């Protein structure tokens, strides 16, 4: 299932903020350097979805704040 995400890096803590239309806003404590924010995003979503991080894939937006992810098991958030 596709998930549209807007990330806010360098936040105090990692948390889902809410929905902005069809896009989920997520604050990440990691900086957007060397893929650290992407790794934290995948780890955070894996915990929420109760699936392995290897099952989640960023399909668009690897270097931007707007991302499209393929998530196999999305819970009701």
PDB file of N, CA and C in Angstrom:
ATOM      1  N   UNK A   1       0.841  -1.165   0.000  1.00  0.00           N
ATOM      2  CA  UNK A   1       0.000   0.000   0.000  1.00  0.00           C
ATOM      3  C   UNK A   1       0.898   1.244   0.000  1.00  0.00           C
ATOM      4  N   UNK A   2       0.544   2.240  -0.804  1.00  0.00           N
ATOM      5  CA  UNK A   2       1.333   3.466  -0.866  1.00  0.00           C
ATOM      6  C   UNK A   2       0.973   4.398   0.285  1.00  0.00           C
ATOM      7  N   UNK A   3       1.987   5.063   0.800  1.00  0.00           N
ATOM      8  CA  UNK A   3       1.808   6.039   1.869  1.00  0.00           C
ATOM      9  C   UNK A   3       2.584   7.295   1.500  1.00  0.00           C
ATOM     10  N   UNK A   4       1.894   8.435   1.507  1.00  0.00           N
ATOM     11  CA  UNK A   4       2.539   9.720   1.258  1.00  0.00           C
ATOM     12  C   UNK A   4       2.921  10.323   2.597  1.00  0.00           C
ATOM     13  N   UNK A   5       4.172  10.778   2.702  1.00  0.00           N
ATOM     14  CA  UNK A   5       4.695  11.287   3.970  1.00  0.00           C
ATOM     15  C   UNK A   5       5.422  12.601   3.734  1.00  0.00           C
ATOM     16  N   UNK A   6       5.235  13.533   4.651  1.00  0.00           N
ATOM     17  CA  UNK A   6       6.025  14.768   4.681  1.00  0.00           C
ATOM     18  C   UNK A   6       6.805  14.727   5.980  1.00  0.00           C
ATOM     19  N   UNK A   7       8.143  14.790   5.878  1.00  0.00           N
ATOM     20  CA  UNK A   7       8.948  14.703   7.091  1.00  0.00           C
ATOM     21  C   UNK A   7       9.460  16.071   7.516  1.00  0.00           C
ATOM     22  N   UNK A   8       9.657  16.196   8.804  1.00  0.00           N
ATOM     23  CA  UNK A   8      10.254  17.383   9.408  1.00  0.00           C
ATOM     24  C   UNK A   8      11.456  16.876  10.204  1.00  0.00           C
ATOM     25  N   UNK A   9      12.672  16.975   9.630  1.00  0.00           N
ATOM     26  CA  UNK A   9      13.862  16.467  10.319  1.00  0.00           C
ATOM     27  C   UNK A   9      14.321  17.395  11.442  1.00  0.00           C
ATOM     28  N   UNK A  10      15.244  16.920  12.252  1.00  0.00           N
ATOM     29  CA  UNK A  10      15.841  17.673  13.369  1.00  0.00           C
ATOM     30  C   UNK A  10      14.827  18.100  14.425  1.00  0.00           C
ATOM     31  N   UNK A  11      13.790  17.309  14.629  1.00  0.00           N
ATOM     32  CA  UNK A  11      12.795  17.609  15.661  1.00  0.00           C
ATOM     33  C   UNK A  11      13.313  17.131  17.021  1.00  0.00           C
ATOM     34  N   UNK A  12      12.645  17.560  18.088  1.00  0.00           N
ATOM     35  CA  UNK A  12      13.053  17.127  19.428  1.00  0.00           C
ATOM     36  C   UNK A  12      12.835  15.632  19.617  1.00  0.00           C
ATOM     37  N   UNK A  13      11.730  15.114  19.050  1.00  0.00           N
ATOM     38  CA  UNK A  13      11.470  13.679  19.146  1.00  0.00           C
ATOM     39  C   UNK A  13      10.770  13.206  17.880  1.00  0.00           C
ATOM     40  N   UNK A  14      10.838  11.924  17.647  1.00  0.00           N
ATOM     41  CA  UNK A  14      10.198  11.327  16.482  1.00  0.00           C
ATOM     42  C   UNK A  14       8.753  11.011  16.834  1.00  0.00           C
ATOM     43  N   UNK A  15       7.842  11.548  16.002  1.00  0.00           N
ATOM     44  CA  UNK A  15       6.418  11.329  16.252  1.00  0.00           C
ATOM     45  C   UNK A  15       5.612  11.635  15.001  1.00  0.00           C
ATOM     46  N   UNK A  16       4.457  10.989  14.886  1.00  0.00           N
ATOM     47  CA  UNK A  16       3.507  11.316  13.830  1.00  0.00           C
ATOM     48  C   UNK A  16       2.714  12.526  14.307  1.00  0.00           C
ATOM     49  N   UNK A  17       2.636  13.556  13.464  1.00  0.00           N
ATOM     50  CA  UNK A  17       1.976  14.802  13.840  1.00  0.00           C
ATOM     51  C   UNK A  17       0.503  14.772  13.470  1.00  0.00           C
ATOM     52  N   UNK A  18       0.191  14.209  12.325  1.00  0.00           N
ATOM     53  CA  UNK A  18      -1.193  14.162  11.872  1.00  0.00           C
ATOM     54  C   UNK A  18      -1.253  14.157  10.357  1.00  0.00           C
ATOM     55  N   UNK A  19      -2.451  14.302   9.852  1.00  0.00           N
ATOM     56  CA  UNK A  19      -2.671  14.249   8.414  1.00  0.00           C
ATOM     57  C   UNK A  19      -2.800  15.649   7.839  1.00  0.00           C
ATOM     58  N   UNK A  20      -2.228  15.837   6.670  1.00  0.00           N
ATOM     59  CA  UNK A  20      -2.343  17.070   5.895  1.00  0.00           C
ATOM     60  C   UNK A  20      -2.912  16.631   4.548  1.00  0.00           C
ATOM     61  N   UNK A  21      -4.238  16.572   4.448  1.00  0.00           N
ATOM     62  CA  UNK A  21      -4.863  15.974   3.269  1.00  0.00           C
ATOM     63  C   UNK A  21      -4.641  14.479   3.301  1.00  0.00           C
ATOM     64  N   UNK A  22      -3.995  13.945   2.269  1.00  0.00           N
ATOM     65  CA  UNK A  22      -3.697  12.511   2.212  1.00  0.00           C
ATOM     66  C   UNK A  22      -2.260  12.211   2.607  1.00  0.00           C
ATOM     67  N   UNK A  23      -1.570  13.215   3.119  1.00  0.00           N
ATOM     68  CA  UNK A  23      -0.162  13.076   3.483  1.00  0.00           C
ATOM     69  C   UNK A  23      -0.006  13.035   4.997  1.00  0.00           C
ATOM     70  N   UNK A  24       0.741  12.061   5.486  1.00  0.00           N
ATOM     71  CA  UNK A  24       1.021  11.941   6.912  1.00  0.00           C
ATOM     72  C   UNK A  24       2.257  12.761   7.244  1.00  0.00           C
ATOM     73  N   UNK A  25       2.137  13.678   8.205  1.00  0.00           N
ATOM     74  CA  UNK A  25       3.283  14.480   8.642  1.00  0.00           C
ATOM     75  C   UNK A  25       3.958  13.768   9.807  1.00  0.00           C
ATOM     76  N   UNK A  26       5.285  13.629   9.698  1.00  0.00           N
ATOM     77  CA  UNK A  26       6.063  12.951  10.734  1.00  0.00           C
ATOM     78  C   UNK A  26       7.273  13.803  11.085  1.00  0.00           C
ATOM     79  N   UNK A  27       7.461  14.043  12.375  1.00  0.00           N
ATOM     80  CA  UNK A  27       8.666  14.717  12.861  1.00  0.00           C
ATOM     81  C   UNK A  27       9.705  13.647  13.167  1.00  0.00           C
ATOM     82  N   UNK A  28      10.946  13.905  12.729  1.00  0.00           N
ATOM     83  CA  UNK A  28      12.042  12.968  12.966  1.00  0.00           C
ATOM     84  C   UNK A  28      13.152  13.663  13.730  1.00  0.00           C
ATOM     85  N   UNK A  29      13.694  13.008  14.729  1.00  0.00           N
ATOM     86  CA  UNK A  29      14.789  13.601  15.499  1.00  0.00           C
ATOM     87  C   UNK A  29      16.115  13.530  14.747  1.00  0.00           C
ATOM     88  N   UNK A  30      16.211  12.686  13.753  1.00  0.00           N
ATOM     89  CA  UNK A  30      17.457  12.525  12.986  1.00  0.00           C
ATOM     90  C   UNK A  30      17.645  13.673  11.993  1.00  0.00           C
ATOM     91  N   UNK A  31      18.889  14.019  11.716  1.00  0.00           N
ATOM     92  CA  UNK A  31      19.167  15.051  10.709  1.00  0.00           C
ATOM     93  C   UNK A  31      19.072  14.455   9.300  1.00  0.00           C
ATOM     94  N   UNK A  32      18.814  15.309   8.306  1.00  0.00           N
ATOM     95  CA  UNK A  32      18.720  14.803   6.929  1.00  0.00           C
ATOM     96  C   UNK A  32      20.095  14.671   6.277  1.00  0.00           C
ATOM     97  N   UNK A  33      20.989  13.974   6.934  1.00  0.00           N
ATOM     98  CA  UNK A  33      22.366  13.823   6.461  1.00  0.00           C
ATOM     99  C   UNK A  33      22.673  12.338   6.305  1.00  0.00           C
ATOM    100  N   UNK A  34      23.246  11.980   5.157  1.00  0.00           N
ATOM    101  CA  UNK A  34      23.695  10.607   4.894  1.00  0.00           C
ATOM    102  C   UNK A  34      22.593   9.567   5.116  1.00  0.00           C
ATOM    103  N   UNK A  35      21.352   9.913   4.824  1.00  0.00           N
ATOM    104  CA  UNK A  35      20.252   8.966   4.926  1.00  0.00           C
ATOM    105  C   UNK A  35      19.772   8.665   6.332  1.00  0.00           C
ATOM    106  N   UNK A  36      20.258   9.416   7.330  1.00  0.00           N
ATOM    107  CA  UNK A  36      19.865   9.142   8.720  1.00  0.00           C
ATOM    108  C   UNK A  36      18.366   9.344   8.936  1.00  0.00           C
ATOM    109  N   UNK A  37      17.800  10.403   8.355  1.00  0.00           N
ATOM    110  CA  UNK A  37      16.366  10.660   8.510  1.00  0.00           C
ATOM    111  C   UNK A  37      15.551   9.558   7.827  1.00  0.00           C
ATOM    112  N   UNK A  38      15.985   9.105   6.660  1.00  0.00           N
ATOM    113  CA  UNK A  38      15.275   8.022   5.967  1.00  0.00           C
ATOM    114  C   UNK A  38      15.295   6.740   6.790  1.00  0.00           C
ATOM    115  N   UNK A  39      16.428   6.417   7.379  1.00  0.00           N
ATOM    116  CA  UNK A  39      16.532   5.213   8.208  1.00  0.00           C
ATOM    117  C   UNK A  39      15.613   5.310   9.422  1.00  0.00           C
ATOM    118  N   UNK A  40      15.582   6.493  10.044  1.00  0.00           N
ATOM    119  CA  UNK A  40      14.716   6.661  11.211  1.00  0.00           C
ATOM    120  C   UNK A  40      13.245   6.595  10.816  1.00  0.00           C
ATOM    121  N   UNK A  41      12.903   7.160   9.664  1.00  0.00           N
ATOM    122  CA  UNK A  41      11.526   7.101   9.172  1.00  0.00           C
ATOM    123  C   UNK A  41      11.089   5.654   8.975  1.00  0.00           C
ATOM    124  N   UNK A  42      11.912   4.866   8.330  1.00  0.00           N
ATOM    125  CA  UNK A  42      11.576   3.459   8.084  1.00  0.00           C
ATOM    126  C   UNK A  42      11.466   2.692   9.398  1.00  0.00           C
ATOM    127  N   UNK A  43      12.374   2.940  10.317  1.00  0.00           N
ATOM    128  CA  UNK A  43      12.328   2.272  11.629  1.00  0.00           C
ATOM    129  C   UNK A  43      11.049   2.649  12.379  1.00  0.00           C
ATOM    130  N   UNK A  44      10.693   3.930  12.364  1.00  0.00           N
ATOM    131  CA  UNK A  44       9.497   4.421  13.047  1.00  0.00           C
ATOM    132  C   UNK A  44       8.236   3.794  12.447  1.00  0.00           C
ATOM    133  N   UNK A  45       8.133   3.791  11.122  1.00  0.00           N
ATOM    134  CA  UNK A  45       6.958   3.208  10.478  1.00  0.00           C
ATOM    135  C   UNK A  45       6.879   1.702  10.706  1.00  0.00           C
ATOM    136  N   UNK A  46       8.016   1.025  10.743  1.00  0.00           N
ATOM    137  CA  UNK A  46       8.026  -0.418  10.999  1.00  0.00           C
ATOM    138  C   UNK A  46       7.476  -0.725  12.393  1.00  0.00           C
ATOM    139  N   UNK A  47       7.815   0.117  13.373  1.00  0.00           N
ATOM    140  CA  UNK A  47       7.290  -0.074  14.730  1.00  0.00           C
ATOM    141  C   UNK A  47       5.781   0.136  14.760  1.00  0.00           C
ATOM    142  N   UNK A  48       5.303   1.179  14.088  1.00  0.00           N
ATOM    143  CA  UNK A  48       3.864   1.469  14.060  1.00  0.00           C
ATOM    144  C   UNK A  48       3.098   0.351  13.351  1.00  0.00           C
ATOM    145  N   UNK A  49       3.653  -0.111  12.237  1.00  0.00           N
ATOM    146  CA  UNK A  49       2.970  -1.103  11.402  1.00  0.00           C
ATOM    147  C   UNK A  49       3.208  -2.535  11.852  1.00  0.00           C
ATOM    148  N   UNK A  50       4.098  -2.718  12.819  1.00  0.00           N
ATOM    149  CA  UNK A  50       4.435  -4.050  13.316  1.00  0.00           C
ATOM    150  C   UNK A  50       4.911  -4.961  12.179  1.00  0.00           C
ATOM    151  N   UNK A  51       5.876  -4.431  11.417  1.00  0.00           N
ATOM    152  CA  UNK A  51       6.492  -5.225  10.355  1.00  0.00           C
ATOM    153  C   UNK A  51       7.993  -4.948  10.346  1.00  0.00           C
ATOM    154  N   UNK A  52       8.719  -5.703   9.575  1.00  0.00           N
ATOM    155  CA  UNK A  52      10.175  -5.540   9.511  1.00  0.00           C
ATOM    156  C   UNK A  52      10.534  -4.295   8.699  1.00  0.00           C
ATOM    157  N   UNK A  53      11.574  -3.570   9.110  1.00  0.00           N
ATOM    158  CA  UNK A  53      12.009  -2.403   8.335  1.00  0.00           C
ATOM    159  C   UNK A  53      12.346  -2.747   6.884  1.00  0.00           C
ATOM    160  N   UNK A  54      12.793  -3.956   6.641  1.00  0.00           N
ATOM    161  CA  UNK A  54      13.143  -4.360   5.274  1.00  0.00           C
ATOM    162  C   UNK A  54      11.919  -4.470   4.361  1.00  0.00           C
ATOM    163  N   UNK A  55      10.719  -4.517   4.945  1.00  0.00           N
ATOM    164  CA  UNK A  55       9.492  -4.597   4.156  1.00  0.00           C
ATOM    165  C   UNK A  55       9.033  -3.230   3.657  1.00  0.00           C
ATOM    166  N   UNK A  56       9.561  -2.153   4.232  1.00  0.00           N
ATOM    167  CA  UNK A  56       9.156  -0.793   3.871  1.00  0.00           C
ATOM    168  C   UNK A  56      10.178  -0.219   2.903  1.00  0.00           C
ATOM    169  N   UNK A  57       9.677   0.385   1.831  1.00  0.00           N
ATOM    170  CA  UNK A  57      10.566   0.917   0.801  1.00  0.00           C
ATOM    171  C   UNK A  57      10.163   2.346   0.442  1.00  0.00           C
ATOM    172  N   UNK A  58      11.148   3.237   0.375  1.00  0.00           N
ATOM    173  CA  UNK A  58      10.908   4.595  -0.111  1.00  0.00           C
ATOM    174  C   UNK A  58      10.984   4.529  -1.630  1.00  0.00           C
ATOM    175  N   UNK A  59       9.856   4.791  -2.303  1.00  0.00           N
ATOM    176  CA  UNK A  59       9.815   4.679  -3.756  1.00  0.00           C
ATOM    177  C   UNK A  59      10.047   6.019  -4.448  1.00  0.00           C
ATOM    178  N   UNK A  60       9.747   7.119  -3.772  1.00  0.00           N
ATOM    179  CA  UNK A  60       9.988   8.460  -4.323  1.00  0.00           C
ATOM    180  C   UNK A  60      10.408   9.380  -3.192  1.00  0.00           C
ATOM    181  N   UNK A  61      11.304  10.329  -3.504  1.00  0.00           N
ATOM    182  CA  UNK A  61      11.665  11.352  -2.540  1.00  0.00           C
ATOM    183  C   UNK A  61      12.793  10.998  -1.600  1.00  0.00           C
ATOM    184  N   UNK A  62      13.753  10.218  -2.047  1.00  0.00           N
ATOM    185  CA  UNK A  62      14.864   9.825  -1.175  1.00  0.00           C
ATOM    186  C   UNK A  62      15.597  11.022  -0.581  1.00  0.00           C
ATOM    187  N   UNK A  63      15.708  12.119  -1.335  1.00  0.00           N
ATOM    188  CA  UNK A  63      16.461  13.276  -0.846  1.00  0.00           C
ATOM    189  C   UNK A  63      15.571  14.467  -0.514  1.00  0.00           C
ATOM    190  N   UNK A  64      14.263  14.313  -0.564  1.00  0.00           N
ATOM    191  CA  UNK A  64      13.361  15.423  -0.275  1.00  0.00           C
ATOM    192  C   UNK A  64      12.539  15.185   0.977  1.00  0.00           C
ATOM    193  N   UNK A  65      11.753  16.194   1.340  1.00  0.00           N
ATOM    194  CA  UNK A  65      10.893  16.071   2.522  1.00  0.00           C
ATOM    195  C   UNK A  65       9.575  15.377   2.202  1.00  0.00           C
ATOM    196  N   UNK A  66       9.150  15.417   0.946  1.00  0.00           N
ATOM    197  CA  UNK A  66       7.945  14.716   0.502  1.00  0.00           C
ATOM    198  C   UNK A  66       8.363  13.335   0.012  1.00  0.00           C
ATOM    199  N   UNK A  67       7.787  12.305   0.585  1.00  0.00           N
ATOM    200  CA  UNK A  67       8.189  10.941   0.235  1.00  0.00           C
ATOM    201  C   UNK A  67       6.966  10.081  -0.058  1.00  0.00           C
ATOM    202  N   UNK A  68       7.166   9.114  -0.922  1.00  0.00           N
ATOM    203  CA  UNK A  68       6.173   8.078  -1.170  1.00  0.00           C
ATOM    204  C   UNK A  68       6.810   6.767  -0.744  1.00  0.00           C
ATOM    205  N   UNK A  69       6.102   6.042   0.103  1.00  0.00           N
ATOM    206  CA  UNK A  69       6.623   4.774   0.606  1.00  0.00           C
ATOM    207  C   UNK A  69       5.678   3.645   0.254  1.00  0.00           C
ATOM    208  N   UNK A  70       6.242   2.479   0.100  1.00  0.00           N
ATOM    209  CA  UNK A  70       5.463   1.262  -0.074  1.00  0.00           C
ATOM    210  C   UNK A  70       5.506   0.528   1.263  1.00  0.00           C
ATOM    211  N   UNK A  71       4.331   0.441   1.902  1.00  0.00           N
ATOM    212  CA  UNK A  71       4.228  -0.174   3.229  1.00  0.00           C
ATOM    213  C   UNK A  71       3.227  -1.326   3.124  1.00  0.00           C
ATOM    214  N   UNK A  72       3.654  -2.558   3.400  1.00  0.00           N
ATOM    215  CA  UNK A  72       2.783  -3.716   3.194  1.00  0.00           C
ATOM    216  C   UNK A  72       1.614  -3.818   4.173  1.00  0.00           C
ATOM    217  N   UNK A  73       1.782  -3.305   5.373  1.00  0.00           N
ATOM    218  CA  UNK A  73       0.748  -3.511   6.395  1.00  0.00           C
ATOM    219  C   UNK A  73       0.487  -2.211   7.146  1.00  0.00           C
ATOM    220  N   UNK A  74      -0.387  -1.381   6.607  1.00  0.00           N
ATOM    221  CA  UNK A  74      -0.692  -0.110   7.263  1.00  0.00           C
ATOM    222  C   UNK A  74      -1.826  -0.284   8.264  1.00  0.00           C
ATOM    223  N   UNK A  75      -1.604   0.101   9.512  1.00  0.00           N
ATOM    224  CA  UNK A  75      -2.699   0.085  10.483  1.00  0.00           C
ATOM    225  C   UNK A  75      -3.536   1.349  10.313  1.00  0.00           C
ATOM    226  N   UNK A  76      -4.630   1.444  11.012  1.00  0.00           N
ATOM    227  CA  UNK A  76      -5.415   2.669  11.019  1.00  0.00           C
ATOM    228  C   UNK A  76      -4.725   3.652  11.941  1.00  0.00           C
ATOM    229  N   UNK A  77      -4.224   4.731  11.360  1.00  0.00           N
ATOM    230  CA  UNK A  77      -3.476   5.724  12.144  1.00  0.00           C
ATOM    231  C   UNK A  77      -4.370   6.908  12.414  1.00  0.00           C
TER     232      UNK A  77
END
